[in-house]
């Protein structure tokens, strides 16, 4: 069976597997990112689909969670169906587990991806915004304390393209005011601070397995923490709200993992009931497929290579840009060692940014905004605060764009990028 699967994979040569060995400058698109897969991911997924015991989250997801946790120095991780869902579940679990109340406040940057902000509002909490500074494009840590009130419960950090703010100052602020430091680490997997994993500093954190990110399972996300009780709540919320935590073959045990599956579980009900149908929280169904766990296991074998190449490629892009163009790359603090998601570029004027973006796109080199820019400018979020109160966040939309630094670019791609950059003058 395995040989036949591998043969099928080799013959099919899926188009979404990035391979620039035969790159034709000016004809082929230079993608800003994408998953680094080969036959191992595809054969793992197919074997899971064809021979696995369970199509939904099962034994392979469980194995991926355990190996991911070991790799990233955390006690427990829980996989869901997307990075956005991981943020939603994380905030819901924080509110439940730490007993936050409606309208409690979370400090966050107005610049970035909307699913950092949306779960705060969706869980009836209040986002409190701090404007950015233009050295790193992160929120201005020196302005945070003036936003803290007696309702402030947490600070969410979402490093720009994996480039973190001053984490020492943030940690001190959280300790001083009794706040929880939380990481939206969807762009930052593998980033380090003072030589240690950035995620070691968070109470809990998320990551995304969307194709643009460091590890890709097609779609998917992870919530991680050293507080295993918090992960129990997160698991429940993403599994319909049920109390049961059986996975894989334990689902088949008549007594379940707890050894007491059929008992008087339901308060106020005088009878025996199956623990699998006790609902401790209001929840969702945000489970991944087990084949995504199989892909994740294959991706973990490549993640050190991916990490290394992203760092190298960001530096190559930066050197090309600053050699020929009057642009600036955001500063990296001396304590930080980012595993780059992309290469952020700061232009002198809005006209300059728009001209460069058009030039790259016309030459089939993909660009991206710095995500939403100021989220408060957008129709779905403008009711949360006045965008004009955050002028530097507005400037992030008008003056900043992103080029990629994915691991699958090669010398042919970089030579073409350099040619296009030279022509931009």
Protein backbone atom coordinates (compact mmCIF):
# COMPACT_ATOMS: atom_id res chain seq x y z
CA UNK A 1 0.00 0.00 0.00
CA UNK A 2 2.77 2.48 0.98
CA UNK A 3 4.69 1.96 -2.28
CA UNK A 4 1.55 2.44 -4.36
CA UNK A 5 0.72 5.66 -2.48
CA UNK A 6 4.21 7.05 -2.98
CA UNK A 7 4.12 6.17 -6.66
CA UNK A 8 0.79 7.97 -7.04
CA UNK A 9 2.18 11.03 -5.26
CA UNK A 10 5.27 11.17 -7.49
CA UNK A 11 3.21 10.84 -10.65
CA UNK A 12 0.65 13.48 -9.68
CA UNK A 13 3.14 16.34 -9.00
CA UNK A 14 0.58 18.63 -7.34
CA UNK A 15 0.83 22.25 -8.46
CA UNK A 16 0.61 23.60 -4.90
CA UNK A 17 3.96 22.04 -3.99
CA UNK A 18 6.37 24.91 -4.58
CA UNK A 19 9.35 24.03 -6.77
CA UNK A 20 11.37 26.79 -8.42
CA UNK A 21 14.05 24.57 -9.97
CA UNK A 22 12.68 25.47 -13.40
CA UNK A 23 11.80 29.07 -12.53
CA UNK A 24 11.36 31.30 -15.59
CA UNK A 25 11.96 34.98 -14.74
CA UNK A 26 9.11 37.24 -15.75
CA UNK A 27 6.87 34.31 -16.61
CA UNK A 28 6.47 32.51 -13.28
CA UNK A 29 5.09 34.28 -10.23
CA UNK A 30 7.37 34.83 -7.26
CA UNK A 31 5.00 33.84 -4.47
CA UNK A 32 5.38 35.69 -1.18
CA UNK A 33 4.93 32.44 0.75
CA UNK A 34 3.56 28.91 0.63
CA UNK A 35 3.94 25.50 2.20
CA UNK A 36 7.18 23.54 1.85
CA UNK A 37 5.85 20.05 1.21
CA UNK A 38 7.11 17.00 -0.61
CA UNK A 39 5.94 13.42 -0.99
CA UNK A 40 6.23 12.78 2.76
CA UNK A 41 3.38 15.15 3.64
CA UNK A 42 1.17 13.83 0.85
CA UNK A 43 1.83 10.17 1.52
CA UNK A 44 1.22 10.72 5.24
CA UNK A 45 -2.09 12.41 4.51
CA UNK A 46 -3.16 9.71 2.09
CA UNK A 47 -2.21 6.88 4.43
CA UNK A 48 -4.16 8.56 7.20
CA UNK A 49 -7.15 8.96 4.92
CA UNK A 50 -7.05 5.40 3.61
CA UNK A 51 -5.90 3.40 6.64
CA UNK A 52 -6.56 5.63 9.65
CA UNK A 53 -8.99 4.64 12.38
CA UNK A 54 -10.79 7.99 12.46
CA UNK A 55 -11.19 10.70 9.81
CA UNK A 56 -11.65 13.53 12.34
CA UNK A 57 -9.11 14.45 15.03
CA UNK A 58 -7.60 11.22 16.29
CA UNK A 59 -4.33 9.46 16.97
CA UNK A 60 -2.18 11.36 14.45
CA UNK A 61 -3.39 14.71 15.72
CA UNK A 62 -2.61 13.50 19.25
CA UNK A 63 0.91 12.51 18.18
CA UNK A 64 1.44 15.85 16.45
CA UNK A 65 0.30 17.75 19.55
CA UNK A 66 2.75 15.84 21.75
CA UNK A 67 5.72 16.22 19.40
CA UNK A 68 4.92 19.89 18.78
CA UNK A 69 4.83 20.52 22.53
CA UNK A 70 8.18 18.82 23.02
CA UNK A 71 9.73 20.74 20.13
CA UNK A 72 8.55 24.10 21.46
CA UNK A 73 9.21 23.48 25.14
CA UNK A 74 5.63 23.56 26.38
CA UNK A 75 3.70 21.09 28.52
CA UNK A 76 0.61 20.74 26.35
CA UNK A 77 -0.83 21.82 23.00
CA UNK A 78 -4.25 21.45 21.42
CA UNK A 79 -4.85 21.49 17.67
CA UNK A 80 -7.85 23.14 16.01
CA UNK A 81 -8.95 23.74 12.43
CA UNK A 82 -7.25 27.13 11.83
CA UNK A 83 -5.01 29.77 13.36
CA UNK A 84 -8.00 32.09 13.59
CA UNK A 85 -9.91 29.42 15.53
CA UNK A 86 -6.93 29.01 17.84
CA UNK A 87 -7.20 32.71 18.76
CA UNK A 88 -10.95 32.41 19.26
CA UNK A 89 -10.61 29.36 21.52
CA UNK A 90 -7.64 30.84 23.41
CA UNK A 91 -9.54 34.01 24.35
CA UNK A 92 -12.68 32.07 25.27
CA UNK A 93 -10.65 29.68 27.42
CA UNK A 94 -8.79 32.55 29.10
CA UNK A 95 -12.04 34.26 30.00
CA UNK A 96 -13.50 31.05 31.44
CA UNK A 97 -10.41 29.68 33.17
CA UNK A 98 -9.21 32.98 34.67
CA UNK A 99 -12.77 34.11 35.47
CA UNK A 100 -12.68 37.32 33.48
CA UNK A 101 -15.92 39.27 33.26
CA UNK A 102 -17.72 40.93 30.35
CA UNK A 103 -16.09 44.27 29.45
CA UNK A 104 -12.76 43.37 31.01
CA UNK A 105 -9.96 44.86 28.92
CA UNK A 106 -7.14 43.45 26.83
CA UNK A 107 -4.34 45.67 25.49
CA UNK A 108 -3.42 45.07 21.87
CA UNK A 109 -1.98 46.79 18.79
CA UNK A 110 -4.48 48.16 16.24
CA UNK A 111 -2.11 47.04 13.48
CA UNK A 112 -1.98 43.47 12.27
CA UNK A 113 -4.37 40.70 11.32
CA UNK A 114 -8.05 41.06 12.30
CA UNK A 115 -8.36 37.70 14.02
CA UNK A 116 -6.15 38.96 16.83
CA UNK A 117 -8.88 41.51 17.63
CA UNK A 118 -12.15 39.80 16.67
CA UNK A 119 -12.09 37.07 19.38
CA UNK A 120 -11.75 39.73 22.08
CA UNK A 121 -14.99 41.37 20.96
CA UNK A 122 -16.71 38.06 20.22
CA UNK A 123 -16.09 37.04 23.83
CA UNK A 124 -17.61 40.30 25.15
CA UNK A 125 -14.25 41.70 26.22
CA UNK A 126 -12.91 45.13 25.32
CA UNK A 127 -9.82 45.67 23.14
CA UNK A 128 -7.77 48.66 24.28
CA UNK A 129 -5.45 49.92 21.58
CA UNK A 130 -1.92 51.29 21.84
CA UNK A 131 -0.43 53.07 18.83
CA UNK A 132 2.69 51.65 17.22
CA UNK A 133 6.17 53.10 16.94
CA UNK A 134 7.96 53.14 13.61
CA UNK A 135 11.25 51.53 14.61
CA UNK A 136 9.91 47.97 14.87
CA UNK A 137 6.25 48.62 13.85
CA UNK A 138 5.13 46.98 17.10
CA UNK A 139 2.90 48.74 19.61
CA UNK A 140 4.75 51.35 21.65
CA UNK A 141 5.60 49.58 24.90
CA UNK A 142 6.29 52.91 26.61
CA UNK A 143 2.63 53.94 26.08
CA UNK A 144 1.08 50.79 27.53
CA UNK A 145 0.93 51.72 31.20
CA UNK A 146 -1.15 54.83 30.53
CA UNK A 147 -3.84 52.52 29.08
CA UNK A 148 -4.00 50.17 32.08
CA UNK A 149 -7.12 50.39 34.26
CA UNK A 150 -8.63 48.28 37.04
CA UNK A 151 -10.40 46.29 34.30
CA UNK A 152 -7.21 45.40 32.38
CA UNK A 153 -6.58 41.66 32.40
CA UNK A 154 -4.01 40.88 29.71
CA UNK A 155 -1.65 42.13 27.01
CA UNK A 156 -1.65 40.31 23.67
CA UNK A 157 1.59 40.40 21.70
CA UNK A 158 1.51 39.80 17.95
CA UNK A 159 5.06 40.42 16.69
CA UNK A 160 5.36 42.09 13.29
CA UNK A 161 6.49 39.45 10.79
CA UNK A 162 7.96 37.62 13.86
CA UNK A 163 9.95 40.69 15.03
CA UNK A 164 9.08 41.16 18.73
CA UNK A 165 8.81 44.33 20.82
CA UNK A 166 10.77 44.77 24.06
CA UNK A 167 9.70 41.61 25.86
CA UNK A 168 11.64 42.48 29.02
CA UNK A 169 9.61 45.66 29.46
CA UNK A 170 6.37 43.85 28.65
CA UNK A 171 7.10 41.11 31.17
CA UNK A 172 7.90 43.71 33.85
CA UNK A 173 4.67 45.61 33.13
CA UNK A 174 2.64 42.40 33.43
CA UNK A 175 4.28 41.46 36.73
CA UNK A 176 3.85 44.98 38.13
CA UNK A 177 0.13 45.15 37.29
CA UNK A 178 -0.79 41.47 37.66
CA UNK A 179 -1.59 41.02 33.97
CA UNK A 180 -1.46 37.90 31.79
CA UNK A 181 1.00 37.99 28.89
CA UNK A 182 -0.53 36.24 25.87
CA UNK A 183 0.99 35.52 22.45
CA UNK A 184 -0.63 35.54 19.04
CA UNK A 185 2.37 33.68 17.71
CA UNK A 186 0.84 32.78 14.35
CA UNK A 187 3.63 34.57 12.42
CA UNK A 188 6.45 33.95 14.89
CA UNK A 189 7.04 30.23 15.36
CA UNK A 190 10.69 29.68 16.36
CA UNK A 191 11.45 33.32 17.18
CA UNK A 192 13.78 33.74 20.16
CA UNK A 193 14.35 36.34 22.86
CA UNK A 194 17.68 36.36 24.70
CA UNK A 195 18.43 32.97 23.15
CA UNK A 196 15.28 31.30 24.47
CA UNK A 197 12.02 30.68 22.65
CA UNK A 198 9.84 33.79 22.65
CA UNK A 199 6.89 31.58 23.57
CA UNK A 200 8.55 30.69 26.90
CA UNK A 201 7.49 34.16 28.09
CA UNK A 202 3.76 33.68 27.43
CA UNK A 203 1.12 32.18 29.71
CA UNK A 204 -0.47 30.77 26.56
CA UNK A 205 0.01 31.25 22.83
CA UNK A 206 -1.29 30.29 19.42
CA UNK A 207 0.19 29.46 16.07
CA UNK A 208 -1.22 28.99 12.57
CA UNK A 209 -0.67 26.19 10.07
CA UNK A 210 -2.08 28.10 7.10
CA UNK A 211 0.05 27.61 3.92
CA UNK A 212 1.81 30.97 4.34
CA UNK A 213 3.17 30.07 7.78
CA UNK A 214 6.25 28.25 9.04
CA UNK A 215 4.49 24.89 9.39
CA UNK A 216 1.51 24.15 7.16
CA UNK A 217 -1.10 21.44 7.49
CA UNK A 218 -3.23 23.08 4.77
CA UNK A 219 -5.38 24.73 7.41
CA UNK A 220 -4.96 24.36 11.14
CA UNK A 221 -3.79 26.02 14.33
CA UNK A 222 -2.50 25.22 17.80
CA UNK A 223 -3.06 26.55 21.32
CA UNK A 224 -0.18 25.90 23.75
CA UNK A 225 0.41 26.47 27.46
CA UNK A 226 2.20 25.09 30.49
CA UNK A 227 -1.14 25.27 32.34
CA UNK A 228 -2.72 21.94 31.51
CA UNK A 229 -6.02 22.92 33.15
CA UNK A 230 -6.25 25.85 30.74
CA UNK A 231 -5.70 23.47 27.80
CA UNK A 232 -8.48 21.25 29.18
CA UNK A 233 -10.84 24.23 28.92
CA UNK A 234 -9.59 25.09 25.43
CA UNK A 235 -10.13 21.49 24.32
CA UNK A 236 -13.65 21.47 25.68
CA UNK A 237 -14.57 24.74 23.95
CA UNK A 238 -13.32 23.48 20.60
CA UNK A 239 -15.01 20.06 21.04
CA UNK A 240 -18.63 21.27 21.31
CA UNK A 241 -18.08 22.24 24.96
CA UNK A 242 -18.08 18.66 26.15
CA UNK A 243 -16.24 17.58 29.29
CA UNK A 244 -14.85 14.32 27.89
CA UNK A 245 -11.22 14.30 26.74
CA UNK A 246 -10.92 10.80 25.24
CA UNK A 247 -8.99 10.65 21.94
CA UNK A 248 -7.90 7.96 19.50
CA UNK A 249 -8.27 4.37 20.64
CA UNK A 250 -9.48 5.52 24.08
CA UNK A 251 -12.77 6.39 22.40
CA UNK A 252 -13.34 2.64 22.00
CA UNK A 253 -12.85 1.77 25.67
CA UNK A 254 -16.13 1.00 27.43
CA UNK A 255 -14.85 2.86 30.53
CA UNK A 256 -13.08 5.68 28.64
CA UNK A 257 -9.79 7.30 29.67
CA UNK A 258 -11.17 8.30 33.07
CA UNK A 259 -12.20 4.71 33.91
CA UNK A 260 -15.64 5.91 34.89
CA UNK A 261 -17.36 6.86 31.63
CA UNK A 262 -20.88 5.81 32.67
CA UNK A 263 -21.74 7.40 36.01
CA UNK A 264 -23.85 10.08 37.71
CA UNK A 265 -22.05 12.91 35.94
CA UNK A 266 -24.88 15.42 35.59
CA UNK A 267 -25.74 17.55 38.65
CA UNK A 268 -29.46 17.71 39.18
CA UNK A 269 -30.10 14.51 37.24
CA UNK A 270 -30.59 11.31 39.24
CA UNK A 271 -29.29 8.77 36.79
CA UNK A 272 -26.29 7.28 35.00
CA UNK A 273 -25.13 9.15 31.91
CA UNK A 274 -22.32 8.81 29.35
CA UNK A 275 -19.52 11.29 30.14
CA UNK A 276 -19.05 11.87 26.41
CA UNK A 277 -22.32 13.79 26.50
CA UNK A 278 -21.63 16.10 29.45
CA UNK A 279 -21.20 19.68 28.25
CA UNK A 280 -19.17 21.86 30.60
CA UNK A 281 -18.96 24.95 28.39
CA UNK A 282 -20.66 26.60 25.46
CA UNK A 283 -18.45 25.58 22.59
CA UNK A 284 -17.91 24.97 18.89
CA UNK A 285 -16.80 22.15 16.64
CA UNK A 286 -13.34 23.34 15.58
CA UNK A 287 -11.64 19.95 15.27
CA UNK A 288 -9.04 19.31 12.55
CA UNK A 289 -8.90 16.20 10.39
CA UNK A 290 -6.57 13.43 11.46
CA UNK A 291 -4.77 13.63 8.11
CA UNK A 292 -3.73 17.17 9.11
CA UNK A 293 -1.99 15.69 12.12
CA UNK A 294 -0.11 13.34 9.78
CA UNK A 295 0.99 16.31 7.66
CA UNK A 296 2.07 18.16 10.80
CA UNK A 297 4.26 15.24 11.86
CA UNK A 298 6.05 15.40 8.50
CA UNK A 299 6.38 19.19 8.74
CA UNK A 300 8.07 18.99 12.15
CA UNK A 301 10.93 17.09 10.49
CA UNK A 302 11.50 20.08 8.19
CA UNK A 303 10.84 22.97 10.55
CA UNK A 304 14.50 23.58 11.50
CA UNK A 305 15.41 23.84 7.82
CA UNK A 306 12.41 26.12 7.20
CA UNK A 307 13.43 28.31 10.13
CA UNK A 308 17.01 28.59 8.88
CA UNK A 309 16.00 29.43 5.32
CA UNK A 310 13.48 32.09 6.37
CA UNK A 311 16.18 33.87 8.36
CA UNK A 312 18.68 33.64 5.49
CA UNK A 313 16.20 34.72 2.83
CA UNK A 314 14.93 37.72 4.77
CA UNK A 315 18.53 38.94 5.02
CA UNK A 316 19.06 38.47 1.28
CA UNK A 317 15.89 40.40 0.45
CA UNK A 318 16.87 43.16 2.89
CA UNK A 319 20.36 43.48 1.36
CA UNK A 320 18.95 43.76 -2.17
CA UNK A 321 16.35 46.35 -1.21
CA UNK A 322 18.65 48.61 0.81
CA UNK A 323 21.38 48.41 -1.84
CA UNK A 324 19.22 49.92 -4.59
CA UNK A 325 16.19 51.60 -2.99
CA UNK A 326 15.59 54.41 -0.55
CA UNK A 327 13.58 52.27 1.86
CA UNK A 328 14.02 51.15 5.44
CA UNK A 329 13.68 47.74 7.07
CA UNK A 330 12.28 47.83 10.64
CA UNK A 331 14.81 47.56 13.44
CA UNK A 332 15.36 44.31 15.31
CA UNK A 333 16.11 44.70 19.00
CA UNK A 334 19.47 43.23 20.05
CA UNK A 335 17.79 40.64 22.30
CA UNK A 336 15.55 39.41 19.46
CA UNK A 337 16.24 36.66 16.94
CA UNK A 338 13.19 36.51 14.64
CA UNK A 339 12.22 33.54 12.51
CA UNK A 340 10.85 35.79 9.78
CA UNK A 341 7.39 35.44 8.29
CA UNK A 342 8.11 38.10 5.67
CA UNK A 343 10.22 41.15 4.92
CA UNK A 344 8.53 44.41 6.02
CA UNK A 345 9.50 47.51 4.02
CA UNK A 346 8.99 51.10 5.17
CA UNK A 347 8.76 53.71 2.42
CA UNK A 348 9.28 57.46 2.72
CA UNK A 349 5.88 58.38 1.30
CA UNK A 350 2.58 56.79 0.35
CA UNK A 351 3.28 57.53 -3.32
CA UNK A 352 6.62 55.73 -3.06
CA UNK A 353 5.00 52.68 -1.48
CA UNK A 354 2.24 52.49 -4.08
CA UNK A 355 4.71 52.90 -6.95
CA UNK A 356 6.97 50.12 -5.64
CA UNK A 357 4.05 47.77 -5.02
CA UNK A 358 2.81 48.32 -8.57
CA UNK A 359 6.31 47.74 -9.95
CA UNK A 360 6.72 44.44 -8.11
CA UNK A 361 3.23 43.22 -8.95
CA UNK A 362 3.63 44.19 -12.63
CA UNK A 363 6.75 42.02 -12.64
CA UNK A 364 4.95 39.07 -11.00
CA UNK A 365 6.59 39.46 -7.59
CA UNK A 366 3.84 39.17 -5.00
CA UNK A 367 3.52 41.80 -2.28
CA UNK A 368 1.27 42.15 0.74
CA UNK A 369 0.06 45.03 2.85
CA UNK A 370 1.20 45.04 6.42
CA UNK A 371 -2.06 43.11 6.80
CA UNK A 372 -4.96 45.42 7.71
CA UNK A 373 -2.84 48.41 8.61
CA UNK A 374 -4.89 50.13 11.29
CA UNK A 375 -7.82 47.75 11.78
CA UNK A 376 -9.94 50.69 12.98
CA UNK A 377 -10.05 52.03 9.42
CA UNK A 378 -12.02 48.97 8.27
CA UNK A 379 -15.84 48.81 8.18
CA UNK A 380 -16.12 45.77 10.44
CA UNK A 381 -13.99 47.33 13.20
CA UNK A 382 -14.40 51.11 12.97
CA UNK A 383 -16.95 51.11 15.81
CA UNK A 384 -14.30 49.95 18.29
CA UNK A 385 -12.40 53.26 18.44
CA UNK A 386 -11.44 56.36 16.44
CA UNK A 387 -8.68 55.49 13.97
CA UNK A 388 -7.46 59.10 14.00
CA UNK A 389 -6.23 58.61 17.57
CA UNK A 390 -3.58 56.23 16.20
CA UNK A 391 -1.69 58.19 13.50
CA UNK A 392 1.33 55.91 13.27
CA UNK A 393 -0.94 52.90 12.86
CA UNK A 394 -2.59 54.71 9.95
CA UNK A 395 0.86 55.34 8.52
CA UNK A 396 1.54 51.58 8.59
CA UNK A 397 -1.14 51.20 5.93
CA UNK A 398 0.09 54.05 3.75
CA UNK A 399 3.87 53.56 4.03
CA UNK A 400 4.53 49.84 4.68
CA UNK A 401 4.33 46.72 2.53
CA UNK A 402 5.75 43.22 2.63
CA UNK A 403 7.83 40.98 0.39
CA UNK A 404 8.28 37.32 1.16
CA UNK A 405 11.21 35.25 2.42
CA UNK A 406 9.89 31.69 2.03
CA UNK A 407 12.21 28.69 2.29
CA UNK A 408 11.64 27.50 -1.29
CA UNK A 409 13.14 30.54 -3.08
CA UNK A 410 16.46 29.84 -4.81
CA UNK A 411 19.28 31.78 -6.51
CA UNK A 412 17.26 32.16 -9.72
CA UNK A 413 14.50 33.87 -7.79
CA UNK A 414 16.87 36.18 -5.93
CA UNK A 415 18.66 37.13 -9.16
CA UNK A 416 15.31 38.06 -10.67
CA UNK A 417 14.26 40.04 -7.61
CA UNK A 418 17.53 41.99 -7.76
CA UNK A 419 16.96 42.79 -11.43
CA UNK A 420 13.43 44.02 -10.75
CA UNK A 421 14.60 46.10 -7.78
CA UNK A 422 17.35 47.72 -9.88
CA UNK A 423 14.77 48.58 -12.54
CA UNK A 424 12.56 50.26 -9.92
CA UNK A 425 14.84 53.29 -9.97
